[in-house]
Amino acid sequence: MLKLRLLNAVAPAYFFAATTATFILHFCLFIPTIFPNPDTSLRSSSALHTTVFLFLMFNALGNYIMTIKYPAESDNEIAIPVCSPRCSDKVDSHYLLNGRHFCKLCRKVIFRRDHHCFFTGNCIGNKNMRYFIMFCIYTSCVCMYSLVLGVAFLTVEYSISFENPLTFLTLLPLSTAYFFMGTISGLQLFLVLMLYVWLGIGLVCAGFCCQQVLLVARGQTWCQMQRGELVDNRSPWRANLKDVFGARWILGLILPVQTVEINMKHKHE
């Protein structure tokens, strides 16, 4: 349990550190280097890239905040159960009746609990699932967009060619070796590390998003799938998606705003 609580504190710090580094690299290195001349064409391109980056980052951070602001609904009237001695610390919840799950980290019984997100420090459930999915989508977009700009920066600033696919695979080990040999600076090594951080986070978030959308369409949660629980009275996939994303789902795709009033406290019991 101590390891999980430590992860619950370290993961948000890691997220904000990576976000801050991305902001600094974008505005202090990438844009000034890739678009150095102040002529009209490059100025418009610089403004376009900056606008796209800020739009993606605004939605990623906005949905991150909404995920925390609207935590999964809990039932404080239900007594907190006591885990059996066989309940491992690696298992952060166990099944309760009527679609409820107990989270040992949040110390709450959560309705329609999907999983505990360490990056937000709370559970993902009936109220914040939409914001979590949009957070994953935009975080993946920010990371992939930053990856493209990072590759462009290394090409312009250090004349590194990425035409050979093996270049990216060997870039990190070679850069690490060159750093300890004193050939490249710490900034260059940090830039290379950030490329792999963006790639890793982007792929993980994209995969997580696809999984969550599939589960939502099936009317199922990750907790239920792990335990092999069947969903009774399964609704059509369109109705399941509408329950999570709301009737104004298009607005939710471009702005981190509330698009559905959720009052599902007893809907899934």
C-alpha atoms as a PDB file:
ATOM      1  CA  MET A   1       0.000   0.000   0.000  1.00  0.00           C
ATOM      2  CA  LEU A   2       2.892   2.369   0.742  1.00  0.00           C
ATOM      3  CA  LYS A   3       4.196   1.918  -2.797  1.00  0.00           C
ATOM      4  CA  LEU A   4       0.793   2.743  -4.254  1.00  0.00           C
ATOM      5  CA  ARG A   5       0.441   5.856  -2.120  1.00  0.00           C
ATOM      6  CA  LEU A   6       3.921   6.949  -3.147  1.00  0.00           C
ATOM      7  CA  LEU A   7       3.015   6.424  -6.789  1.00  0.00           C
ATOM      8  CA  ASN A   8      -0.145   8.448  -6.185  1.00  0.00           C
ATOM      9  CA  ALA A   9       2.088  11.417  -5.279  1.00  0.00           C
ATOM     10  CA  VAL A  10       4.931  10.875  -7.755  1.00  0.00           C
ATOM     11  CA  ALA A  11       2.788  10.393 -10.891  1.00  0.00           C
ATOM     12  CA  PRO A  12       1.147  13.871 -10.806  1.00  0.00           C
ATOM     13  CA  ALA A  13       4.561  15.453 -10.144  1.00  0.00           C
ATOM     14  CA  TYR A  14       5.970  13.603 -13.151  1.00  0.00           C
ATOM     15  CA  PHE A  15       3.055  14.770 -15.306  1.00  0.00           C
ATOM     16  CA  PHE A  16       3.504  18.444 -14.371  1.00  0.00           C
ATOM     17  CA  ALA A  17       7.288  18.216 -14.808  1.00  0.00           C
ATOM     18  CA  ALA A  18       6.877  16.760 -18.314  1.00  0.00           C
ATOM     19  CA  THR A  19       4.238  19.403 -19.128  1.00  0.00           C
ATOM     20  CA  THR A  20       6.487  22.246 -17.957  1.00  0.00           C
ATOM     21  CA  ALA A  21       9.445  20.885 -19.924  1.00  0.00           C
ATOM     22  CA  THR A  22       7.270  20.605 -23.032  1.00  0.00           C
ATOM     23  CA  PHE A  23       6.156  24.239 -22.718  1.00  0.00           C
ATOM     24  CA  ILE A  24       9.719  25.503 -22.252  1.00  0.00           C
ATOM     25  CA  LEU A  25      11.153  23.469 -25.114  1.00  0.00           C
ATOM     26  CA  HIS A  26       8.372  24.519 -27.475  1.00  0.00           C
ATOM     27  CA  PHE A  27       8.564  28.282 -26.890  1.00  0.00           C
ATOM     28  CA  CYS A  28      12.268  28.659 -26.081  1.00  0.00           C
ATOM     29  CA  LEU A  29      13.836  26.230 -28.573  1.00  0.00           C
ATOM     30  CA  PHE A  30      11.531  24.673 -31.153  1.00  0.00           C
ATOM     31  CA  ILE A  31       9.652  27.680 -32.551  1.00  0.00           C
ATOM     32  CA  PRO A  32      12.597  30.146 -32.500  1.00  0.00           C
ATOM     33  CA  THR A  33      14.896  27.593 -34.169  1.00  0.00           C
ATOM     34  CA  ILE A  34      12.544  26.116 -36.746  1.00  0.00           C
ATOM     35  CA  PHE A  35      11.136  29.528 -37.733  1.00  0.00           C
ATOM     36  CA  PRO A  36      14.073  31.940 -37.215  1.00  0.00           C
ATOM     37  CA  ASN A  37      13.333  34.586 -39.853  1.00  0.00           C
ATOM     38  CA  PRO A  38      10.687  37.245 -39.213  1.00  0.00           C
ATOM     39  CA  ASP A  39       9.283  37.354 -42.759  1.00  0.00           C
ATOM     40  CA  THR A  40       5.546  37.049 -43.338  1.00  0.00           C
ATOM     41  CA  SER A  41       5.390  33.399 -44.407  1.00  0.00           C
ATOM     42  CA  LEU A  42       7.445  32.081 -41.496  1.00  0.00           C
ATOM     43  CA  ARG A  43       5.621  34.356 -39.039  1.00  0.00           C
ATOM     44  CA  SER A  44       2.271  32.902 -40.077  1.00  0.00           C
ATOM     45  CA  SER A  45       3.659  29.348 -39.856  1.00  0.00           C
ATOM     46  CA  SER A  46       5.046  30.060 -36.398  1.00  0.00           C
ATOM     47  CA  ALA A  47       1.689  31.482 -35.284  1.00  0.00           C
ATOM     48  CA  LEU A  48      -0.134  28.444 -36.689  1.00  0.00           C
ATOM     49  CA  HIS A  49       2.116  25.949 -34.891  1.00  0.00           C
ATOM     50  CA  THR A  50       1.828  27.921 -31.658  1.00  0.00           C
ATOM     51  CA  THR A  51      -1.972  28.050 -31.944  1.00  0.00           C
ATOM     52  CA  VAL A  52      -2.236  24.314 -32.577  1.00  0.00           C
ATOM     53  CA  PHE A  53       0.091  23.528 -29.668  1.00  0.00           C
ATOM     54  CA  LEU A  54      -1.796  25.806 -27.257  1.00  0.00           C
ATOM     55  CA  PHE A  55      -5.157  24.364 -28.356  1.00  0.00           C
ATOM     56  CA  LEU A  56      -3.992  20.796 -27.731  1.00  0.00           C
ATOM     57  CA  MET A  57      -2.353  21.681 -24.425  1.00  0.00           C
ATOM     58  CA  PHE A  58      -5.379  23.681 -23.254  1.00  0.00           C
ATOM     59  CA  ASN A  59      -7.669  20.709 -23.824  1.00  0.00           C
ATOM     60  CA  ALA A  60      -5.247  18.232 -22.255  1.00  0.00           C
ATOM     61  CA  LEU A  61      -4.833  20.311 -19.089  1.00  0.00           C
ATOM     62  CA  GLY A  62      -8.496  21.357 -19.063  1.00  0.00           C
ATOM     63  CA  ASN A  63      -9.763  17.778 -19.143  1.00  0.00           C
ATOM     64  CA  TYR A  64      -7.123  16.820 -16.577  1.00  0.00           C
ATOM     65  CA  ILE A  65      -8.537  19.454 -14.212  1.00  0.00           C
ATOM     66  CA  MET A  66     -12.124  18.374 -14.960  1.00  0.00           C
ATOM     67  CA  THR A  67     -11.216  14.766 -14.143  1.00  0.00           C
ATOM     68  CA  ILE A  68     -10.077  15.920 -10.712  1.00  0.00           C
ATOM     69  CA  LYS A  69     -12.871  18.475 -10.229  1.00  0.00           C
ATOM     70  CA  TYR A  70     -15.604  15.893 -10.854  1.00  0.00           C
ATOM     71  CA  PRO A  71     -14.431  12.772  -9.001  1.00  0.00           C
ATOM     72  CA  ALA A  72     -16.213   9.484  -9.412  1.00  0.00           C
ATOM     73  CA  GLU A  73     -19.417   9.310  -7.386  1.00  0.00           C
ATOM     74  CA  SER A  74     -19.142   7.571  -4.030  1.00  0.00           C
ATOM     75  CA  ASP A  75     -21.552   6.281  -1.441  1.00  0.00           C
ATOM     76  CA  ASN A  76     -20.410   7.354   2.015  1.00  0.00           C
ATOM     77  CA  GLU A  77     -23.287   5.519   3.666  1.00  0.00           C
ATOM     78  CA  ILE A  78     -21.798   2.151   2.779  1.00  0.00           C
ATOM     79  CA  ALA A  79     -19.430   0.844   5.413  1.00  0.00           C
ATOM     80  CA  ILE A  80     -15.857   0.499   4.233  1.00  0.00           C
ATOM     81  CA  PRO A  81     -15.157  -3.231   3.950  1.00  0.00           C
ATOM     82  CA  VAL A  82     -12.162  -4.896   5.458  1.00  0.00           C
ATOM     83  CA  CYS A  83      -9.864  -6.728   3.060  1.00  0.00           C
ATOM     84  CA  SER A  84      -9.056 -10.314   3.798  1.00  0.00           C
ATOM     85  CA  PRO A  85      -5.423 -11.266   4.485  1.00  0.00           C
ATOM     86  CA  ARG A  86      -5.236 -12.564   0.915  1.00  0.00           C
ATOM     87  CA  CYS A  87      -6.028  -9.108  -0.475  1.00  0.00           C
ATOM     88  CA  SER A  88      -2.665  -8.030  -1.897  1.00  0.00           C
ATOM     89  CA  ASP A  89      -1.461  -4.418  -1.859  1.00  0.00           C
ATOM     90  CA  LYS A  90      -1.100  -4.736  -5.629  1.00  0.00           C
ATOM     91  CA  VAL A  91      -4.883  -5.048  -5.880  1.00  0.00           C
ATOM     92  CA  ASP A  92      -6.336  -1.604  -5.227  1.00  0.00           C
ATOM     93  CA  SER A  93      -9.974  -2.663  -5.056  1.00  0.00           C
ATOM     94  CA  HIS A  94     -12.260  -5.620  -4.615  1.00  0.00           C
ATOM     95  CA  TYR A  95     -15.755  -6.264  -5.800  1.00  0.00           C
ATOM     96  CA  LEU A  96     -18.855  -5.188  -3.902  1.00  0.00           C
ATOM     97  CA  LEU A  97     -22.457  -5.871  -4.809  1.00  0.00           C
ATOM     98  CA  ASN A  98     -24.590  -3.856  -7.246  1.00  0.00           C
ATOM     99  CA  GLY A  99     -21.866  -2.430  -9.440  1.00  0.00           C
ATOM    100  CA  ARG A 100     -19.899  -0.795  -6.628  1.00  0.00           C
ATOM    101  CA  HIS A 101     -16.179  -1.132  -6.035  1.00  0.00           C
ATOM    102  CA  PHE A 102     -14.101  -0.120  -3.063  1.00  0.00           C
ATOM    103  CA  CYS A 103     -10.808   1.726  -3.614  1.00  0.00           C
ATOM    104  CA  LYS A 104      -8.263   1.287  -0.837  1.00  0.00           C
ATOM    105  CA  LEU A 105      -6.384   4.424  -1.893  1.00  0.00           C
ATOM    106  CA  CYS A 106      -9.421   6.728  -1.996  1.00  0.00           C
ATOM    107  CA  ARG A 107     -11.043   4.890   0.935  1.00  0.00           C
ATOM    108  CA  LYS A 108     -14.390   5.196  -0.850  1.00  0.00           C
ATOM    109  CA  VAL A 109     -16.990   2.951  -2.412  1.00  0.00           C
ATOM    110  CA  ILE A 110     -17.172   4.090  -6.046  1.00  0.00           C
ATOM    111  CA  PHE A 111     -20.142   3.683  -8.392  1.00  0.00           C
ATOM    112  CA  ARG A 112     -19.199   2.294 -11.807  1.00  0.00           C
ATOM    113  CA  ARG A 113     -15.521   2.367 -10.835  1.00  0.00           C
ATOM    114  CA  ASP A 114     -13.232   1.706 -13.787  1.00  0.00           C
ATOM    115  CA  HIS A 115      -9.769   2.090 -12.256  1.00  0.00           C
ATOM    116  CA  HIS A 116      -7.668   4.323 -10.022  1.00  0.00           C
ATOM    117  CA  CYS A 117      -5.673   6.869 -12.039  1.00  0.00           C
ATOM    118  CA  PHE A 118      -2.397   7.704 -10.311  1.00  0.00           C
ATOM    119  CA  PHE A 119      -1.755  10.720 -12.548  1.00  0.00           C
ATOM    120  CA  THR A 120      -4.935  12.422 -11.292  1.00  0.00           C
ATOM    121  CA  GLY A 121      -4.832  10.892  -7.823  1.00  0.00           C
ATOM    122  CA  ASN A 122      -8.440   9.716  -7.868  1.00  0.00           C
ATOM    123  CA  CYS A 123     -10.717   7.039  -9.262  1.00  0.00           C
ATOM    124  CA  ILE A 124     -12.198   7.079 -12.750  1.00  0.00           C
ATOM    125  CA  GLY A 125     -15.889   6.278 -12.690  1.00  0.00           C
ATOM    126  CA  ASN A 126     -19.345   7.448 -13.666  1.00  0.00           C
ATOM    127  CA  LYS A 127     -18.766  11.215 -13.368  1.00  0.00           C
ATOM    128  CA  ASN A 128     -15.312  11.736 -14.833  1.00  0.00           C
ATOM    129  CA  MET A 129     -14.924   9.005 -17.448  1.00  0.00           C
ATOM    130  CA  ARG A 130     -15.573  11.418 -20.345  1.00  0.00           C
ATOM    131  CA  TYR A 131     -12.971  13.892 -19.114  1.00  0.00           C
ATOM    132  CA  PHE A 132     -10.449  11.098 -18.610  1.00  0.00           C
ATOM    133  CA  ILE A 133     -10.937   9.808 -22.158  1.00  0.00           C
ATOM    134  CA  MET A 134     -10.565  13.315 -23.614  1.00  0.00           C
ATOM    135  CA  PHE A 135      -7.504  13.860 -21.423  1.00  0.00           C
ATOM    136  CA  CYS A 136      -5.936  10.738 -22.926  1.00  0.00           C
ATOM    137  CA  ILE A 137      -6.802  11.821 -26.465  1.00  0.00           C
ATOM    138  CA  TYR A 138      -5.327  15.309 -26.175  1.00  0.00           C
ATOM    139  CA  THR A 139      -2.305  14.191 -24.163  1.00  0.00           C
ATOM    140  CA  SER A 140      -1.517  11.720 -26.931  1.00  0.00           C
ATOM    141  CA  CYS A 141      -1.908  14.488 -29.532  1.00  0.00           C
ATOM    142  CA  VAL A 142       0.339  16.878 -27.570  1.00  0.00           C
ATOM    143  CA  CYS A 143       3.040  14.231 -27.224  1.00  0.00           C
ATOM    144  CA  MET A 144       2.983  13.224 -30.891  1.00  0.00           C
ATOM    145  CA  TYR A 145       2.956  16.862 -32.016  1.00  0.00           C
ATOM    146  CA  SER A 146       5.875  17.655 -29.707  1.00  0.00           C
ATOM    147  CA  LEU A 147       7.685  14.592 -31.029  1.00  0.00           C
ATOM    148  CA  VAL A 148       7.395  15.893 -34.605  1.00  0.00           C
ATOM    149  CA  LEU A 149       8.633  19.349 -33.600  1.00  0.00           C
ATOM    150  CA  GLY A 150      11.473  17.802 -31.596  1.00  0.00           C
ATOM    151  CA  VAL A 151      12.616  15.767 -34.580  1.00  0.00           C
ATOM    152  CA  ALA A 152      12.437  18.909 -36.753  1.00  0.00           C
ATOM    153  CA  PHE A 153      14.510  20.830 -34.181  1.00  0.00           C
ATOM    154  CA  LEU A 154      17.231  18.176 -34.059  1.00  0.00           C
ATOM    155  CA  THR A 155      17.311  18.105 -37.857  1.00  0.00           C
ATOM    156  CA  VAL A 156      17.678  21.893 -38.147  1.00  0.00           C
ATOM    157  CA  GLU A 157      19.953  22.526 -35.162  1.00  0.00           C
ATOM    158  CA  TYR A 158      22.206  19.460 -35.181  1.00  0.00           C
ATOM    159  CA  SER A 159      21.766  18.187 -38.776  1.00  0.00           C
ATOM    160  CA  ILE A 160      20.540  14.776 -37.615  1.00  0.00           C
ATOM    161  CA  SER A 161      18.847  12.901 -40.440  1.00  0.00           C
ATOM    162  CA  PHE A 162      15.861  10.699 -39.597  1.00  0.00           C
ATOM    163  CA  GLU A 163      15.410   9.279 -43.091  1.00  0.00           C
ATOM    164  CA  ASN A 164      16.752   5.936 -41.883  1.00  0.00           C
ATOM    165  CA  PRO A 165      14.244   4.300 -39.464  1.00  0.00           C
ATOM    166  CA  LEU A 166      17.164   2.924 -37.450  1.00  0.00           C
ATOM    167  CA  THR A 167      18.209   6.465 -36.539  1.00  0.00           C
ATOM    168  CA  PHE A 168      15.483   6.810 -33.928  1.00  0.00           C
ATOM    169  CA  LEU A 169      16.159   3.353 -32.501  1.00  0.00           C
ATOM    170  CA  THR A 170      19.873   4.051 -32.000  1.00  0.00           C
ATOM    171  CA  LEU A 171      19.574   7.728 -31.061  1.00  0.00           C
ATOM    172  CA  LEU A 172      19.202   7.259 -27.299  1.00  0.00           C
ATOM    173  CA  PRO A 173      22.038   4.749 -26.699  1.00  0.00           C
ATOM    174  CA  LEU A 174      24.405   6.671 -28.969  1.00  0.00           C
ATOM    175  CA  SER A 175      23.507  10.010 -27.377  1.00  0.00           C
ATOM    176  CA  THR A 176      24.064   8.554 -23.894  1.00  0.00           C
ATOM    177  CA  ALA A 177      27.479   7.229 -24.911  1.00  0.00           C
ATOM    178  CA  TYR A 178      28.442  10.545 -26.539  1.00  0.00           C
ATOM    179  CA  PHE A 179      27.326  12.441 -23.425  1.00  0.00           C
ATOM    180  CA  PHE A 180      29.590  10.429 -21.114  1.00  0.00           C
ATOM    181  CA  MET A 181      32.405  10.848 -23.628  1.00  0.00           C
ATOM    182  CA  GLY A 182      31.891  14.611 -23.475  1.00  0.00           C
ATOM    183  CA  THR A 183      30.963  14.910 -27.163  1.00  0.00           C
ATOM    184  CA  ILE A 184      27.456  16.331 -26.691  1.00  0.00           C
ATOM    185  CA  SER A 185      25.944  18.587 -24.039  1.00  0.00           C
ATOM    186  CA  GLY A 186      23.405  17.748 -21.372  1.00  0.00           C
ATOM    187  CA  LEU A 187      20.779  19.753 -23.262  1.00  0.00           C
ATOM    188  CA  GLN A 188      21.166  17.559 -26.325  1.00  0.00           C
ATOM    189  CA  LEU A 189      20.818  14.407 -24.243  1.00  0.00           C
ATOM    190  CA  PHE A 190      17.751  15.872 -22.494  1.00  0.00           C
ATOM    191  CA  LEU A 191      16.135  16.634 -25.858  1.00  0.00           C
ATOM    192  CA  VAL A 192      16.697  13.062 -26.993  1.00  0.00           C
ATOM    193  CA  LEU A 193      15.240  11.730 -23.731  1.00  0.00           C
ATOM    194  CA  MET A 194      12.160  13.918 -24.177  1.00  0.00           C
ATOM    195  CA  LEU A 195      11.600  12.448 -27.651  1.00  0.00           C
ATOM    196  CA  TYR A 196      11.289   9.002 -26.108  1.00  0.00           C
ATOM    197  CA  VAL A 197       9.152  10.332 -23.240  1.00  0.00           C
ATOM    198  CA  TRP A 198       6.716  11.888 -25.724  1.00  0.00           C
ATOM    199  CA  LEU A 199       6.642   8.735 -27.815  1.00  0.00           C
ATOM    200  CA  GLY A 200       6.010   6.506 -24.801  1.00  0.00           C
ATOM    201  CA  ILE A 201       3.312   8.678 -23.223  1.00  0.00           C
ATOM    202  CA  GLY A 202       1.648   9.288 -26.587  1.00  0.00           C
ATOM    203  CA  LEU A 203       1.389   5.594 -27.426  1.00  0.00           C
ATOM    204  CA  VAL A 204       0.233   4.615 -23.930  1.00  0.00           C
ATOM    205  CA  CYS A 205      -2.472   7.306 -23.864  1.00  0.00           C
ATOM    206  CA  ALA A 206      -3.661   6.383 -27.366  1.00  0.00           C
ATOM    207  CA  GLY A 207      -3.914   2.708 -26.430  1.00  0.00           C
ATOM    208  CA  PHE A 208      -5.616   3.514 -23.142  1.00  0.00           C
ATOM    209  CA  CYS A 209      -8.126   5.751 -24.934  1.00  0.00           C
ATOM    210  CA  CYS A 210      -9.051   3.041 -27.443  1.00  0.00           C
ATOM    211  CA  GLN A 211      -9.528   0.539 -24.631  1.00  0.00           C
ATOM    212  CA  GLN A 212     -11.728   2.893 -22.597  1.00  0.00           C
ATOM    213  CA  VAL A 213     -13.933   3.819 -25.565  1.00  0.00           C
ATOM    214  CA  LEU A 214     -14.449   0.125 -26.307  1.00  0.00           C
ATOM    215  CA  LEU A 215     -15.372  -0.615 -22.694  1.00  0.00           C
ATOM    216  CA  VAL A 216     -17.767   2.343 -22.574  1.00  0.00           C
ATOM    217  CA  ALA A 217     -19.448   1.204 -25.794  1.00  0.00           C
ATOM    218  CA  ARG A 218     -19.924  -2.241 -24.260  1.00  0.00           C
ATOM    219  CA  GLY A 219     -21.319  -0.739 -21.049  1.00  0.00           C
ATOM    220  CA  GLN A 220     -18.528  -2.339 -19.057  1.00  0.00           C
ATOM    221  CA  THR A 221     -15.783  -1.128 -16.737  1.00  0.00           C
ATOM    222  CA  TRP A 222     -12.194  -2.286 -16.388  1.00  0.00           C
ATOM    223  CA  CYS A 223     -12.943  -3.641 -12.902  1.00  0.00           C
ATOM    224  CA  GLN A 224     -15.774  -5.749 -14.271  1.00  0.00           C
ATOM    225  CA  MET A 225     -13.693  -7.030 -17.159  1.00  0.00           C
ATOM    226  CA  GLN A 226     -10.832  -8.035 -14.832  1.00  0.00           C
ATOM    227  CA  ARG A 227     -13.216 -10.094 -12.717  1.00  0.00           C
ATOM    228  CA  GLY A 228     -15.098 -11.572 -15.640  1.00  0.00           C
ATOM    229  CA  GLU A 229     -18.359  -9.983 -14.548  1.00  0.00           C
ATOM    230  CA  LEU A 230     -21.121 -10.003 -17.141  1.00  0.00           C
ATOM    231  CA  VAL A 231     -23.136  -6.840 -17.747  1.00  0.00           C
ATOM    232  CA  ASP A 232     -26.842  -7.402 -17.186  1.00  0.00           C
ATOM    233  CA  ASN A 233     -29.367  -5.567 -19.378  1.00  0.00           C
ATOM    234  CA  ARG A 234     -26.679  -4.305 -21.723  1.00  0.00           C
ATOM    235  CA  SER A 235     -27.782  -1.193 -23.641  1.00  0.00           C
ATOM    236  CA  PRO A 236     -26.952  -0.479 -27.308  1.00  0.00           C
ATOM    237  CA  TRP A 237     -23.478   0.942 -27.823  1.00  0.00           C
ATOM    238  CA  ARG A 238     -24.877   4.301 -28.957  1.00  0.00           C
ATOM    239  CA  ALA A 239     -26.813   4.677 -25.713  1.00  0.00           C
ATOM    240  CA  ASN A 240     -23.746   3.713 -23.675  1.00  0.00           C
ATOM    241  CA  LEU A 241     -21.599   6.311 -25.430  1.00  0.00           C
ATOM    242  CA  LYS A 242     -24.304   8.954 -25.004  1.00  0.00           C
ATOM    243  CA  ASP A 243     -24.469   8.253 -21.258  1.00  0.00           C
ATOM    244  CA  VAL A 244     -20.778   9.101 -20.966  1.00  0.00           C
ATOM    245  CA  PHE A 245     -20.261  11.802 -23.612  1.00  0.00           C
ATOM    246  CA  GLY A 246     -23.711  13.409 -23.543  1.00  0.00           C
ATOM    247  CA  ALA A 247     -25.900  14.799 -26.320  1.00  0.00           C
ATOM    248  CA  ARG A 248     -23.498  17.722 -26.864  1.00  0.00           C
ATOM    249  CA  TRP A 249     -20.516  15.431 -27.359  1.00  0.00           C
ATOM    250  CA  ILE A 250     -19.176  17.508 -30.284  1.00  0.00           C
ATOM    251  CA  LEU A 251     -18.696  20.481 -27.949  1.00  0.00           C
ATOM    252  CA  GLY A 252     -16.811  18.232 -25.566  1.00  0.00           C
ATOM    253  CA  LEU A 253     -14.391  17.278 -28.339  1.00  0.00           C
ATOM    254  CA  ILE A 254     -13.092  20.826 -28.687  1.00  0.00           C
ATOM    255  CA  LEU A 255     -13.596  22.295 -25.206  1.00  0.00           C
ATOM    256  CA  PRO A 256     -13.106  20.843 -21.706  1.00  0.00           C
ATOM    257  CA  VAL A 257     -16.654  21.629 -20.568  1.00  0.00           C
ATOM    258  CA  GLN A 258     -19.419  19.616 -18.952  1.00  0.00           C
ATOM    259  CA  THR A 259     -21.681  18.225 -21.679  1.00  0.00           C
ATOM    260  CA  VAL A 260     -23.866  15.871 -19.674  1.00  0.00           C
ATOM    261  CA  GLU A 261     -25.571  15.991 -16.313  1.00  0.00           C
ATOM    262  CA  ILE A 262     -24.752  12.738 -14.607  1.00  0.00           C
ATOM    263  CA  ASN A 263     -26.962  11.377 -11.902  1.00  0.00           C
ATOM    264  CA  MET A 264     -26.161   7.711 -12.069  1.00  0.00           C
ATOM    265  CA  LYS A 265     -26.097   6.956  -8.385  1.00  0.00           C
ATOM    266  CA  HIS A 266     -28.739   4.294  -8.650  1.00  0.00           C
ATOM    267  CA  LYS A 267     -28.928   3.822 -12.396  1.00  0.00           C
ATOM    268  CA  HIS A 268     -26.520   0.909 -12.519  1.00  0.00           C
ATOM    269  CA  GLU A 269     -27.519  -0.812  -9.325  1.00  0.00           C
END
